[in-house]
PDB file of N, CA and C in Angstrom:
ATOM      1  N   ASP A   1     203.110  20.705 202.293  1.00  0.00           N
ATOM      2  CA  ASP A   1     203.507  19.388 202.830  1.00  0.00           C
ATOM      3  C   ASP A   1     202.672  18.779 204.093  1.00  0.00           C
ATOM      4  N   GLN A   2     202.366  19.536 204.904  1.00  0.00           N
ATOM      5  CA  GLN A   2     201.742  19.428 205.940  1.00  0.00           C
ATOM      6  C   GLN A   2     200.322  19.068 205.824  1.00  0.00           C
ATOM      7  N   GLY A   3     199.599  19.892 204.788  1.00  0.00           N
ATOM      8  CA  GLY A   3     198.271  19.708 204.445  1.00  0.00           C
ATOM      9  C   GLY A   3     198.236  18.344 203.665  1.00  0.00           C
ATOM     10  N   VAL A   4     199.201  18.144 202.612  1.00  0.00           N
ATOM     11  CA  VAL A   4     199.108  16.684 201.983  1.00  0.00           C
ATOM     12  C   VAL A   4     199.059  15.657 202.927  1.00  0.00           C
ATOM     13  N   SER A   5     199.895  15.797 203.789  1.00  0.00           N
ATOM     14  CA  SER A   5     200.022  14.574 204.923  1.00  0.00           C
ATOM     15  C   SER A   5     198.803  14.447 205.552  1.00  0.00           C
ATOM     16  N   GLN A   6     198.202  15.414 205.964  1.00  0.00           N
ATOM     17  CA  GLN A   6     196.804  15.422 206.744  1.00  0.00           C
ATOM     18  C   GLN A   6     195.713  14.688 205.683  1.00  0.00           C
ATOM     19  N   LEU A   7     195.791  15.210 204.568  1.00  0.00           N
ATOM     20  CA  LEU A   7     194.836  14.722 203.460  1.00  0.00           C
ATOM     21  C   LEU A   7     195.018  13.234 203.564  1.00  0.00           C
ATOM     22  N   ARG A   8     196.291  12.480 203.285  1.00  0.00           N
ATOM     23  CA  ARG A   8     196.583  11.468 202.945  1.00  0.00           C
ATOM     24  C   ARG A   8     196.095  10.489 204.334  1.00  0.00           C
ATOM     25  N   ASP A   9     196.442  10.948 205.334  1.00  0.00           N
ATOM     26  CA  ASP A   9     195.910  10.386 206.579  1.00  0.00           C
ATOM     27  C   ASP A   9     194.476  10.169 206.829  1.00  0.00           C
ATOM     28  N   PHE A  10     194.043  11.143 206.432  1.00  0.00           N
ATOM     29  CA  PHE A  10     192.487  11.055 206.376  1.00  0.00           C
ATOM     30  C   PHE A  10     191.976   9.904 205.376  1.00  0.00           C
ATOM     31  N   ILE A  11     192.447  10.170 204.092  1.00  0.00           N
ATOM     32  CA  ILE A  11     191.932   9.129 202.914  1.00  0.00           C
ATOM     33  C   ILE A  11     192.182   7.783 203.636  1.00  0.00           C
ATOM     34  N   ASN A  12     193.452   7.702 204.092  1.00  0.00           N
ATOM     35  CA  ASN A  12     193.769   6.138 204.388  1.00  0.00           C
ATOM     36  C   ASN A  12     193.124   5.836 205.649  1.00  0.00           C
ATOM     37  N   THR A  13     192.606   6.558 206.435  1.00  0.00           N
ATOM     38  CA  THR A  13     192.096   6.158 207.713  1.00  0.00           C
ATOM     39  C   THR A  13     190.442   5.814 207.609  1.00  0.00           C
ATOM     40  N   MET A  14     189.879   6.639 206.824  1.00  0.00           N
ATOM     41  CA  MET A  14     188.491   6.770 206.498  1.00  0.00           C
ATOM     42  C   MET A  14     188.175   5.838 205.244  1.00  0.00           C
ATOM     43  N   SER A  15     188.818   5.442 204.537  1.00  0.00           N
ATOM     44  CA  SER A  15     188.547   4.855 203.323  1.00  0.00           C
ATOM     45  C   SER A  15     189.095   3.574 202.792  1.00  0.00           C
ATOM     46  N   VAL A  16     189.535   2.616 203.862  1.00  0.00           N
ATOM     47  CA  VAL A  16     190.162   1.497 203.722  1.00  0.00           C
ATOM     48  C   VAL A  16     189.241   0.455 202.975  1.00  0.00           C
ATOM     49  N   GLY A  17     189.732   0.267 201.614  1.00  0.00           N
ATOM     50  CA  GLY A  17     188.914  -0.702 200.779  1.00  0.00           C
ATOM     51  C   GLY A  17     187.803  -0.143 199.942  1.00  0.00           C
ATOM     52  N   ARG A  18     187.599   1.058 200.162  1.00  0.00           N
ATOM     53  CA  ARG A  18     186.534   1.840 199.369  1.00  0.00           C
ATOM     54  C   ARG A  18     187.019   2.624 198.325  1.00  0.00           C
ATOM     55  N   ALA A  19     186.082   2.742 197.314  1.00  0.00           N
ATOM     56  CA  ALA A  19     186.422   3.881 196.084  1.00  0.00           C
ATOM     57  C   ALA A  19     186.353   4.967 196.644  1.00  0.00           C
ATOM     58  N   VAL A  20     187.442   6.032 196.107  1.00  0.00           N
ATOM     59  CA  VAL A  20     187.478   7.720 196.587  1.00  0.00           C
ATOM     60  C   VAL A  20     187.361   8.547 195.175  1.00  0.00           C
ATOM     61  N   ILE A  21     186.744   9.440 195.426  1.00  0.00           N
ATOM     62  CA  ILE A  21     186.898  10.781 194.644  1.00  0.00           C
ATOM     63  C   ILE A  21     187.233  11.886 195.309  1.00  0.00           C
ATOM     64  N   VAL A  22     188.391  12.321 195.261  1.00  0.00           N
ATOM     65  CA  VAL A  22     188.722  13.968 195.722  1.00  0.00           C
ATOM     66  C   VAL A  22     188.790  14.689 194.858  1.00  0.00           C
ATOM     67  N   GLY A  23     188.327  15.888 195.138  1.00  0.00           N
ATOM     68  CA  GLY A  23     188.203  16.811 193.996  1.00  0.00           C
ATOM     69  C   GLY A  23     188.349  18.327 194.566  1.00  0.00           C
ATOM     70  N   GLY A  24     188.829  19.306 194.106  1.00  0.00           N
ATOM     71  CA  GLY A  24     189.039  20.617 194.573  1.00  0.00           C
ATOM     72  C   GLY A  24     190.392  21.396 194.218  1.00  0.00           C
ATOM     73  N   ASP A  25     190.421  22.718 194.824  1.00  0.00           N
ATOM     74  CA  ASP A  25     191.641  23.221 194.525  1.00  0.00           C
ATOM     75  C   ASP A  25     192.567  22.978 195.447  1.00  0.00           C
ATOM     76  N   PHE A  26     193.578  21.964 194.791  1.00  0.00           N
ATOM     77  CA  PHE A  26     194.831  21.649 195.912  1.00  0.00           C
ATOM     78  C   PHE A  26     195.680  22.653 196.130  1.00  0.00           C
ATOM     79  N   ASN A  27     195.764  23.940 195.475  1.00  0.00           N
ATOM     80  CA  ASN A  27     196.698  24.817 195.523  1.00  0.00           C
ATOM     81  C   ASN A  27     197.990  24.421 195.245  1.00  0.00           C
ATOM     82  N   LEU A  28     198.491  23.379 194.446  1.00  0.00           N
ATOM     83  CA  LEU A  28     199.688  22.809 193.904  1.00  0.00           C
ATOM     84  C   LEU A  28     199.860  22.814 192.462  1.00  0.00           C
ATOM     85  N   HIS A  29     200.757  23.722 192.258  1.00  0.00           N
ATOM     86  CA  HIS A  29     201.008  23.835 190.638  1.00  0.00           C
ATOM     87  C   HIS A  29     201.985  22.894 190.458  1.00  0.00           C
ATOM     88  N   THR A  30     201.409  21.665 189.935  1.00  0.00           N
ATOM     89  CA  THR A  30     202.194  20.318 189.822  1.00  0.00           C
ATOM     90  C   THR A  30     203.011  20.291 188.535  1.00  0.00           C
ATOM     91  N   ASN A  31     203.208  21.472 187.765  1.00  0.00           N
ATOM     92  CA  ASN A  31     204.165  21.574 186.665  1.00  0.00           C
ATOM     93  C   ASN A  31     205.577  22.142 187.079  1.00  0.00           C
ATOM     94  N   THR A  32     205.456  22.429 188.465  1.00  0.00           N
ATOM     95  CA  THR A  32     206.622  23.082 189.161  1.00  0.00           C
ATOM     96  C   THR A  32     207.224  22.280 190.516  1.00  0.00           C
ATOM     97  N   GLU A  33     208.081  22.497 190.953  1.00  0.00           N
ATOM     98  CA  GLU A  33     208.446  21.927 192.423  1.00  0.00           C
ATOM     99  C   GLU A  33     208.680  22.923 193.289  1.00  0.00           C
ATOM    100  N   PRO A  34     208.261  22.605 194.528  1.00  0.00           N
ATOM    101  CA  PRO A  34     208.063  21.411 195.105  1.00  0.00           C
ATOM    102  C   PRO A  34     206.712  20.791 194.883  1.00  0.00           C
ATOM    103  N   ASP A  35     205.827  21.754 194.613  1.00  0.00           N
ATOM    104  CA  ASP A  35     204.211  20.883 194.343  1.00  0.00           C
ATOM    105  C   ASP A  35     204.225  19.792 193.718  1.00  0.00           C
ATOM    106  N   ARG A  36     205.051  19.442 192.534  1.00  0.00           N
ATOM    107  CA  ARG A  36     204.655  18.294 192.071  1.00  0.00           C
ATOM    108  C   ARG A  36     205.262  17.023 192.772  1.00  0.00           C
ATOM    109  N   SER A  37     206.259  17.050 193.570  1.00  0.00           N
ATOM    110  CA  SER A  37     206.618  16.075 194.461  1.00  0.00           C
ATOM    111  C   SER A  37     205.515  15.820 195.431  1.00  0.00           C
ATOM    112  N   GLN A  38     204.990  16.922 196.077  1.00  0.00           N
ATOM    113  CA  GLN A  38     204.147  16.544 197.062  1.00  0.00           C
ATOM    114  C   GLN A  38     202.744  16.161 196.428  1.00  0.00           C
ATOM    115  N   TYR A  39     202.385  16.491 195.418  1.00  0.00           N
ATOM    116  CA  TYR A  39     201.162  15.609 194.705  1.00  0.00           C
ATOM    117  C   TYR A  39     201.332  14.278 194.402  1.00  0.00           C
ATOM    118  N   GLU A  40     202.471  14.106 193.703  1.00  0.00           N
ATOM    119  CA  GLU A  40     202.911  12.741 193.520  1.00  0.00           C
ATOM    120  C   GLU A  40     202.958  11.821 194.847  1.00  0.00           C
ATOM    121  N   ARG A  41     203.494  12.461 195.884  1.00  0.00           N
ATOM    122  CA  ARG A  41     203.474  11.529 197.150  1.00  0.00           C
ATOM    123  C   ARG A  41     202.026  11.350 197.517  1.00  0.00           C
ATOM    124  N   LEU A  42     201.118  12.340 197.510  1.00  0.00           N
ATOM    125  CA  LEU A  42     199.655  12.132 197.851  1.00  0.00           C
ATOM    126  C   LEU A  42     199.382  10.991 196.885  1.00  0.00           C
ATOM    127  N   LEU A  43     199.349  10.949 195.748  1.00  0.00           N
ATOM    128  CA  LEU A  43     198.765   9.970 194.833  1.00  0.00           C
ATOM    129  C   LEU A  43     199.561   8.340 195.222  1.00  0.00           C
ATOM    130  N   ALA A  44     200.816   8.546 195.260  1.00  0.00           N
ATOM    131  CA  ALA A  44     201.634   7.209 195.681  1.00  0.00           C
ATOM    132  C   ALA A  44     201.172   6.574 197.194  1.00  0.00           C
ATOM    133  N   GLU A  45     201.029   7.488 198.136  1.00  0.00           N
ATOM    134  CA  GLU A  45     200.702   7.108 199.267  1.00  0.00           C
ATOM    135  C   GLU A  45     199.154   6.786 199.792  1.00  0.00           C
ATOM    136  N   THR A  46     198.294   7.035 198.840  1.00  0.00           N
ATOM    137  CA  THR A  46     196.715   6.766 198.980  1.00  0.00           C
ATOM    138  C   THR A  46     196.292   5.738 197.772  1.00  0.00           C
ATOM    139  N   GLY A  47     197.108   5.755 196.925  1.00  0.00           N
ATOM    140  CA  GLY A  47     196.695   4.736 195.521  1.00  0.00           C
ATOM    141  C   GLY A  47     195.639   5.581 194.632  1.00  0.00           C
ATOM    142  N   LEU A  48     195.649   6.969 194.896  1.00  0.00           N
ATOM    143  CA  LEU A  48     194.793   7.575 193.828  1.00  0.00           C
ATOM    144  C   LEU A  48     195.576   7.892 192.477  1.00  0.00           C
ATOM    145  N   ILE A  49     194.570   8.062 191.521  1.00  0.00           N
ATOM    146  CA  ILE A  49     195.063   8.475 190.118  1.00  0.00           C
ATOM    147  C   ILE A  49     194.751   9.720 189.743  1.00  0.00           C
ATOM    148  N   ASP A  50     195.678  10.630 189.365  1.00  0.00           N
ATOM    149  CA  ASP A  50     194.980  11.992 188.900  1.00  0.00           C
ATOM    150  C   ASP A  50     194.223  11.833 187.647  1.00  0.00           C
ATOM    151  N   ALA A  51     193.038  12.349 187.663  1.00  0.00           N
ATOM    152  CA  ALA A  51     192.071  12.117 186.409  1.00  0.00           C
ATOM    153  C   ALA A  51     192.536  12.794 185.373  1.00  0.00           C
ATOM    154  N   CYS A  52     193.549  14.050 185.405  1.00  0.00           N
ATOM    155  CA  CYS A  52     194.038  14.565 184.091  1.00  0.00           C
ATOM    156  C   CYS A  52     194.979  13.660 183.531  1.00  0.00           C
ATOM    157  N   ALA A  53     195.972  13.234 184.455  1.00  0.00           N
ATOM    158  CA  ALA A  53     196.769  12.216 183.705  1.00  0.00           C
ATOM    159  C   ALA A  53     196.009  10.921 183.072  1.00  0.00           C
ATOM    160  N   ALA A  54     195.195  10.348 183.784  1.00  0.00           N
ATOM    161  CA  ALA A  54     194.252   9.103 183.392  1.00  0.00           C
ATOM    162  C   ALA A  54     193.735   9.615 181.929  1.00  0.00           C
ATOM    163  N   VAL A  55     193.346  10.545 181.483  1.00  0.00           N
ATOM    164  CA  VAL A  55     192.659  10.692 180.243  1.00  0.00           C
ATOM    165  C   VAL A  55     193.834  11.787 179.226  1.00  0.00           C
ATOM    166  N   GLY A  56     194.700  12.316 179.793  1.00  0.00           N
ATOM    167  CA  GLY A  56     195.560  12.764 178.716  1.00  0.00           C
ATOM    168  C   GLY A  56     195.244  14.222 178.546  1.00  0.00           C
ATOM    169  N   CYS A  57     194.650  15.114 179.796  1.00  0.00           N
ATOM    170  CA  CYS A  57     194.399  16.509 179.653  1.00  0.00           C
ATOM    171  C   CYS A  57     195.479  17.238 179.028  1.00  0.00           C
ATOM    172  N   PRO A  58     195.246  18.362 178.492  1.00  0.00           N
ATOM    173  CA  PRO A  58     196.172  19.312 178.110  1.00  0.00           C
ATOM    174  C   PRO A  58     197.029  20.217 178.982  1.00  0.00           C
ATOM    175  N   THR A  59     196.325  20.524 180.235  1.00  0.00           N
ATOM    176  CA  THR A  59     196.789  21.373 181.334  1.00  0.00           C
ATOM    177  C   THR A  59     196.779  20.472 182.651  1.00  0.00           C
ATOM    178  N   PRO A  60     197.898  19.804 182.730  1.00  0.00           N
ATOM    179  CA  PRO A  60     198.197  19.008 183.864  1.00  0.00           C
ATOM    180  C   PRO A  60     198.907  19.935 185.093  1.00  0.00           C
ATOM    181  N   GLY A  61     199.068  21.262 185.089  1.00  0.00           N
ATOM    182  CA  GLY A  61     199.834  21.912 186.016  1.00  0.00           C
ATOM    183  C   GLY A  61     198.522  22.678 186.993  1.00  0.00           C
ATOM    184  N   ARG A  62     197.408  22.644 186.315  1.00  0.00           N
ATOM    185  CA  ARG A  62     196.382  23.395 187.099  1.00  0.00           C
ATOM    186  C   ARG A  62     196.116  22.834 188.602  1.00  0.00           C
ATOM    187  N   ILE A  63     195.922  24.004 189.525  1.00  0.00           N
ATOM    188  CA  ILE A  63     195.784  23.803 190.817  1.00  0.00           C
ATOM    189  C   ILE A  63     194.350  23.032 191.135  1.00  0.00           C
ATOM    190  N   ASP A  64     193.342  23.082 190.270  1.00  0.00           N
ATOM    191  CA  ASP A  64     192.160  22.387 190.435  1.00  0.00           C
ATOM    192  C   ASP A  64     192.277  21.187 189.953  1.00  0.00           C
ATOM    193  N   LYS A  65     191.898  20.087 190.707  1.00  0.00           N
ATOM    194  CA  LYS A  65     192.263  18.695 190.203  1.00  0.00           C
ATOM    195  C   LYS A  65     191.298  17.600 190.732  1.00  0.00           C
ATOM    196  N   PHE A  66     191.091  16.517 190.278  1.00  0.00           N
ATOM    197  CA  PHE A  66     190.428  15.334 190.677  1.00  0.00           C
ATOM    198  C   PHE A  66     191.285  14.316 190.657  1.00  0.00           C
ATOM    199  N   ALA A  67     191.306  13.192 191.771  1.00  0.00           N
ATOM    200  CA  ALA A  67     192.180  12.029 191.798  1.00  0.00           C
ATOM    201  C   ALA A  67     191.120  11.172 192.392  1.00  0.00           C
ATOM    202  N   PHE A  68     191.412   9.643 191.832  1.00  0.00           N
ATOM    203  CA  PHE A  68     190.396   8.788 192.313  1.00  0.00           C
ATOM    204  C   PHE A  68     191.100   7.431 192.359  1.00  0.00           C
ATOM    205  N   ARG A  69     190.259   6.579 192.955  1.00  0.00           N
ATOM    206  CA  ARG A  69     190.970   4.987 193.015  1.00  0.00           C
ATOM    207  C   ARG A  69     189.606   4.251 193.077  1.00  0.00           C
ATOM    208  N   SER A  70     189.781   3.009 192.810  1.00  0.00           N
ATOM    209  CA  SER A  70     188.751   2.076 192.814  1.00  0.00           C
ATOM    210  C   SER A  70     188.957   1.378 194.248  1.00  0.00           C
ATOM    211  N   GLY A  71     187.870   0.896 194.466  1.00  0.00           N
ATOM    212  CA  GLY A  71     187.722   0.134 195.856  1.00  0.00           C
ATOM    213  C   GLY A  71     187.543  -1.418 195.812  1.00  0.00           C
ATOM    214  N   ASP A  72     187.027  -2.296 196.685  1.00  0.00           N
ATOM    215  CA  ASP A  72     187.001  -3.600 196.723  1.00  0.00           C
ATOM    216  C   ASP A  72     185.836  -3.983 195.999  1.00  0.00           C
ATOM    217  N   ASP A  73     184.740  -3.349 195.992  1.00  0.00           N
ATOM    218  CA  ASP A  73     183.453  -3.472 195.318  1.00  0.00           C
ATOM    219  C   ASP A  73     183.041  -2.416 194.215  1.00  0.00           C
ATOM    220  N   VAL A  74     183.907  -1.532 193.671  1.00  0.00           N
ATOM    221  CA  VAL A  74     183.614  -0.599 192.635  1.00  0.00           C
ATOM    222  C   VAL A  74     185.044  -0.196 192.038  1.00  0.00           C
ATOM    223  N   THR A  75     184.833  -0.168 190.692  1.00  0.00           N
ATOM    224  CA  THR A  75     185.769  -0.056 189.719  1.00  0.00           C
ATOM    225  C   THR A  75     185.588   1.293 189.154  1.00  0.00           C
ATOM    226  N   LEU A  76     186.256   2.261 189.352  1.00  0.00           N
ATOM    227  CA  LEU A  76     186.188   3.577 188.825  1.00  0.00           C
ATOM    228  C   LEU A  76     187.382   3.845 187.585  1.00  0.00           C
ATOM    229  N   SER A  77     186.628   4.879 186.625  1.00  0.00           N
ATOM    230  CA  SER A  77     187.731   5.124 185.501  1.00  0.00           C
ATOM    231  C   SER A  77     187.468   6.529 185.039  1.00  0.00           C
ATOM    232  N   ALA A  78     188.237   7.162 184.733  1.00  0.00           N
ATOM    233  CA  ALA A  78     187.878   8.682 184.345  1.00  0.00           C
ATOM    234  C   ALA A  78     187.840   8.687 182.858  1.00  0.00           C
ATOM    235  N   LEU A  79     186.444   9.436 182.535  1.00  0.00           N
ATOM    236  CA  LEU A  79     186.013   9.256 180.894  1.00  0.00           C
ATOM    237  C   LEU A  79     186.561  10.591 180.186  1.00  0.00           C
ATOM    238  N   SER A  80     186.402  11.818 181.136  1.00  0.00           N
ATOM    239  CA  SER A  80     186.881  12.969 180.440  1.00  0.00           C
ATOM    240  C   SER A  80     187.251  13.955 181.441  1.00  0.00           C
ATOM    241  N   HIS A  81     187.773  14.909 181.176  1.00  0.00           N
ATOM    242  CA  HIS A  81     188.063  16.330 182.132  1.00  0.00           C
ATOM    243  C   HIS A  81     188.338  17.592 181.362  1.00  0.00           C
ATOM    244  N   ARG A  82     187.466  18.478 181.731  1.00  0.00           N
ATOM    245  CA  ARG A  82     187.095  19.440 181.185  1.00  0.00           C
ATOM    246  C   ARG A  82     186.796  20.853 181.942  1.00  0.00           C
ATOM    247  N   PHE A  83     187.565  21.837 181.700  1.00  0.00           N
ATOM    248  CA  PHE A  83     187.231  22.837 182.402  1.00  0.00           C
ATOM    249  C   PHE A  83     186.089  23.512 181.756  1.00  0.00           C
ATOM    250  N   GLU A  84     184.803  23.961 182.316  1.00  0.00           N
ATOM    251  CA  GLU A  84     183.645  24.246 181.847  1.00  0.00           C
ATOM    252  C   GLU A  84     183.550  26.042 181.812  1.00  0.00           C
ATOM    253  N   THR A  85     184.187  26.539 181.121  1.00  0.00           N
ATOM    254  CA  THR A  85     184.331  27.647 180.873  1.00  0.00           C
ATOM    255  C   THR A  85     183.184  28.698 180.585  1.00  0.00           C
ATOM    256  N   ASP A  86     182.264  27.678 179.866  1.00  0.00           N
ATOM    257  CA  ASP A  86     181.170  28.334 179.090  1.00  0.00           C
ATOM    258  C   ASP A  86     180.073  28.103 179.817  1.00  0.00           C
ATOM    259  N   VAL A  87     180.261  27.252 180.899  1.00  0.00           N
ATOM    260  CA  VAL A  87     179.018  26.749 181.609  1.00  0.00           C
ATOM    261  C   VAL A  87     178.517  27.840 182.884  1.00  0.00           C
ATOM    262  N   PHE A  88     179.721  27.980 183.716  1.00  0.00           N
ATOM    263  CA  PHE A  88     179.529  28.595 184.972  1.00  0.00           C
ATOM    264  C   PHE A  88     179.898  30.003 184.615  1.00  0.00           C
ATOM    265  N   VAL A  89     178.855  30.779 184.284  1.00  0.00           N
ATOM    266  CA  VAL A  89     179.039  32.125 183.780  1.00  0.00           C
ATOM    267  C   VAL A  89     177.677  32.990 184.401  1.00  0.00           C
ATOM    268  N   GLY A  90     177.875  34.385 184.629  1.00  0.00           N
ATOM    269  CA  GLY A  90     176.789  35.045 185.184  1.00  0.00           C
ATOM    270  C   GLY A  90     175.886  35.408 183.949  1.00  0.00           C
ATOM    271  N   PRO A  91     174.934  36.368 184.124  1.00  0.00           N
ATOM    272  CA  PRO A  91     174.116  36.684 183.052  1.00  0.00           C
ATOM    273  C   PRO A  91     174.949  37.428 182.099  1.00  0.00           C
ATOM    274  N   MET A  92     175.885  38.122 182.273  1.00  0.00           N
ATOM    275  CA  MET A  92     176.493  38.771 181.400  1.00  0.00           C
ATOM    276  C   MET A  92     177.807  38.044 180.394  1.00  0.00           C
ATOM    277  N   GLY A  93     177.923  36.944 180.965  1.00  0.00           N
ATOM    278  CA  GLY A  93     179.119  35.967 180.305  1.00  0.00           C
ATOM    279  C   GLY A  93     180.024  35.925 181.472  1.00  0.00           C
ATOM    280  N   GLU A  94     180.116  36.710 182.427  1.00  0.00           N
ATOM    281  CA  GLU A  94     181.383  36.841 183.238  1.00  0.00           C
ATOM    282  C   GLU A  94     181.732  35.499 184.217  1.00  0.00           C
ATOM    283  N   PRO A  95     182.764  35.274 184.277  1.00  0.00           N
ATOM    284  CA  PRO A  95     182.857  33.903 185.007  1.00  0.00           C
ATOM    285  C   PRO A  95     182.372  34.152 186.485  1.00  0.00           C
ATOM    286  N   LEU A  96     181.915  33.181 187.145  1.00  0.00           N
ATOM    287  CA  LEU A  96     181.506  33.108 188.575  1.00  0.00           C
ATOM    288  C   LEU A  96     182.413  32.711 189.768  1.00  0.00           C
ATOM    289  N   SER A  97     183.656  32.621 189.271  1.00  0.00           N
ATOM    290  CA  SER A  97     184.671  32.363 190.029  1.00  0.00           C
ATOM    291  C   SER A  97     185.965  32.731 189.570  1.00  0.00           C
ATOM    292  N   ASP A  98     187.102  33.019 190.448  1.00  0.00           N
ATOM    293  CA  ASP A  98     188.238  33.091 189.869  1.00  0.00           C
ATOM    294  C   ASP A  98     189.187  31.572 189.573  1.00  0.00           C
ATOM    295  N   HIS A  99     188.302  30.692 189.730  1.00  0.00           N
ATOM    296  CA  HIS A  99     188.644  29.179 189.028  1.00  0.00           C
ATOM    297  C   HIS A  99     187.620  28.673 187.986  1.00  0.00           C
ATOM    298  N   ASP A 100     188.099  28.220 187.132  1.00  0.00           N
ATOM    299  CA  ASP A 100     187.225  27.809 186.085  1.00  0.00           C
ATOM    300  C   ASP A 100     186.671  26.370 186.809  1.00  0.00           C
ATOM    301  N   ALA A 101     185.294  26.384 186.431  1.00  0.00           N
ATOM    302  CA  ALA A 101     184.752  25.120 187.110  1.00  0.00           C
ATOM    303  C   ALA A 101     185.318  23.743 186.200  1.00  0.00           C
ATOM    304  N   LEU A 102     185.739  22.791 187.014  1.00  0.00           N
ATOM    305  CA  LEU A 102     186.244  21.392 186.476  1.00  0.00           C
ATOM    306  C   LEU A 102     185.097  20.501 186.918  1.00  0.00           C
ATOM    307  N   ALA A 103     184.999  19.682 185.556  1.00  0.00           N
ATOM    308  CA  ALA A 103     184.208  18.574 185.598  1.00  0.00           C
ATOM    309  C   ALA A 103     184.697  17.471 184.999  1.00  0.00           C
ATOM    310  N   VAL A 104     184.678  16.265 185.852  1.00  0.00           N
ATOM    311  CA  VAL A 104     185.504  15.064 185.154  1.00  0.00           C
ATOM    312  C   VAL A 104     184.341  14.122 185.222  1.00  0.00           C
ATOM    313  N   ARG A 105     184.106  13.407 184.130  1.00  0.00           N
ATOM    314  CA  ARG A 105     183.064  12.275 184.324  1.00  0.00           C
ATOM    315  C   ARG A 105     183.568  11.267 184.303  1.00  0.00           C
ATOM    316  N   PHE A 106     183.024  10.107 185.196  1.00  0.00           N
ATOM    317  CA  PHE A 106     183.755   8.733 185.795  1.00  0.00           C
ATOM    318  C   PHE A 106     182.778   7.835 185.265  1.00  0.00           C
ATOM    319  N   ALA A 107     183.225   6.693 184.955  1.00  0.00           N
ATOM    320  CA  ALA A 107     182.470   5.668 184.819  1.00  0.00           C
ATOM    321  C   ALA A 107     182.744   4.448 185.869  1.00  0.00           C
ATOM    322  N   TRP A 108     181.776   3.807 186.570  1.00  0.00           N
ATOM    323  CA  TRP A 108     181.926   2.791 187.504  1.00  0.00           C
ATOM    324  C   TRP A 108     181.403   1.677 187.141  1.00  0.00           C
ATOM    325  N   SER A 109     181.752   0.737 187.756  1.00  0.00           N
ATOM    326  CA  SER A 109     181.350  -0.736 187.521  1.00  0.00           C
ATOM    327  C   SER A 109     181.394  -1.487 189.037  1.00  0.00           C
ATOM    328  N   ALA A 110     180.602  -2.604 189.057  1.00  0.00           N
ATOM    329  CA  ALA A 110     180.551  -3.392 190.270  1.00  0.00           C
ATOM    330  C   ALA A 110     180.313  -4.592 189.908  1.00  0.00           C
ATOM    331  N   PRO A 111     181.292  -5.664 190.704  1.00  0.00           N
ATOM    332  CA  PRO A 111     180.961  -7.153 190.121  1.00  0.00           C
ATOM    333  C   PRO A 111     179.891  -7.486 190.492  1.00  0.00           C
TER     334      PRO A 111
END
């Protein structure tokens, strides 16, 4: 809860009117409470949109996430959301991390 509040405060202070993309290990399992409510609060209080929800991905509860919002001069939209388990592997095909690499493709436009 405190981490969500700190991130919210930073985003709201440092990015007024700007487009924002935030990604990483949020450590929130959003398919269960209280994590779902905390993440929804972060989105609501910053104007961010969950990239997984925007494209209808099949695994919304994962802890690795991207969220975004448009700004005054830039419009963002998520085009795809994919865990690239076939890309980030070592020479023997083993995963490089205990988290699958998440790739989200965005489109942007400016007036």
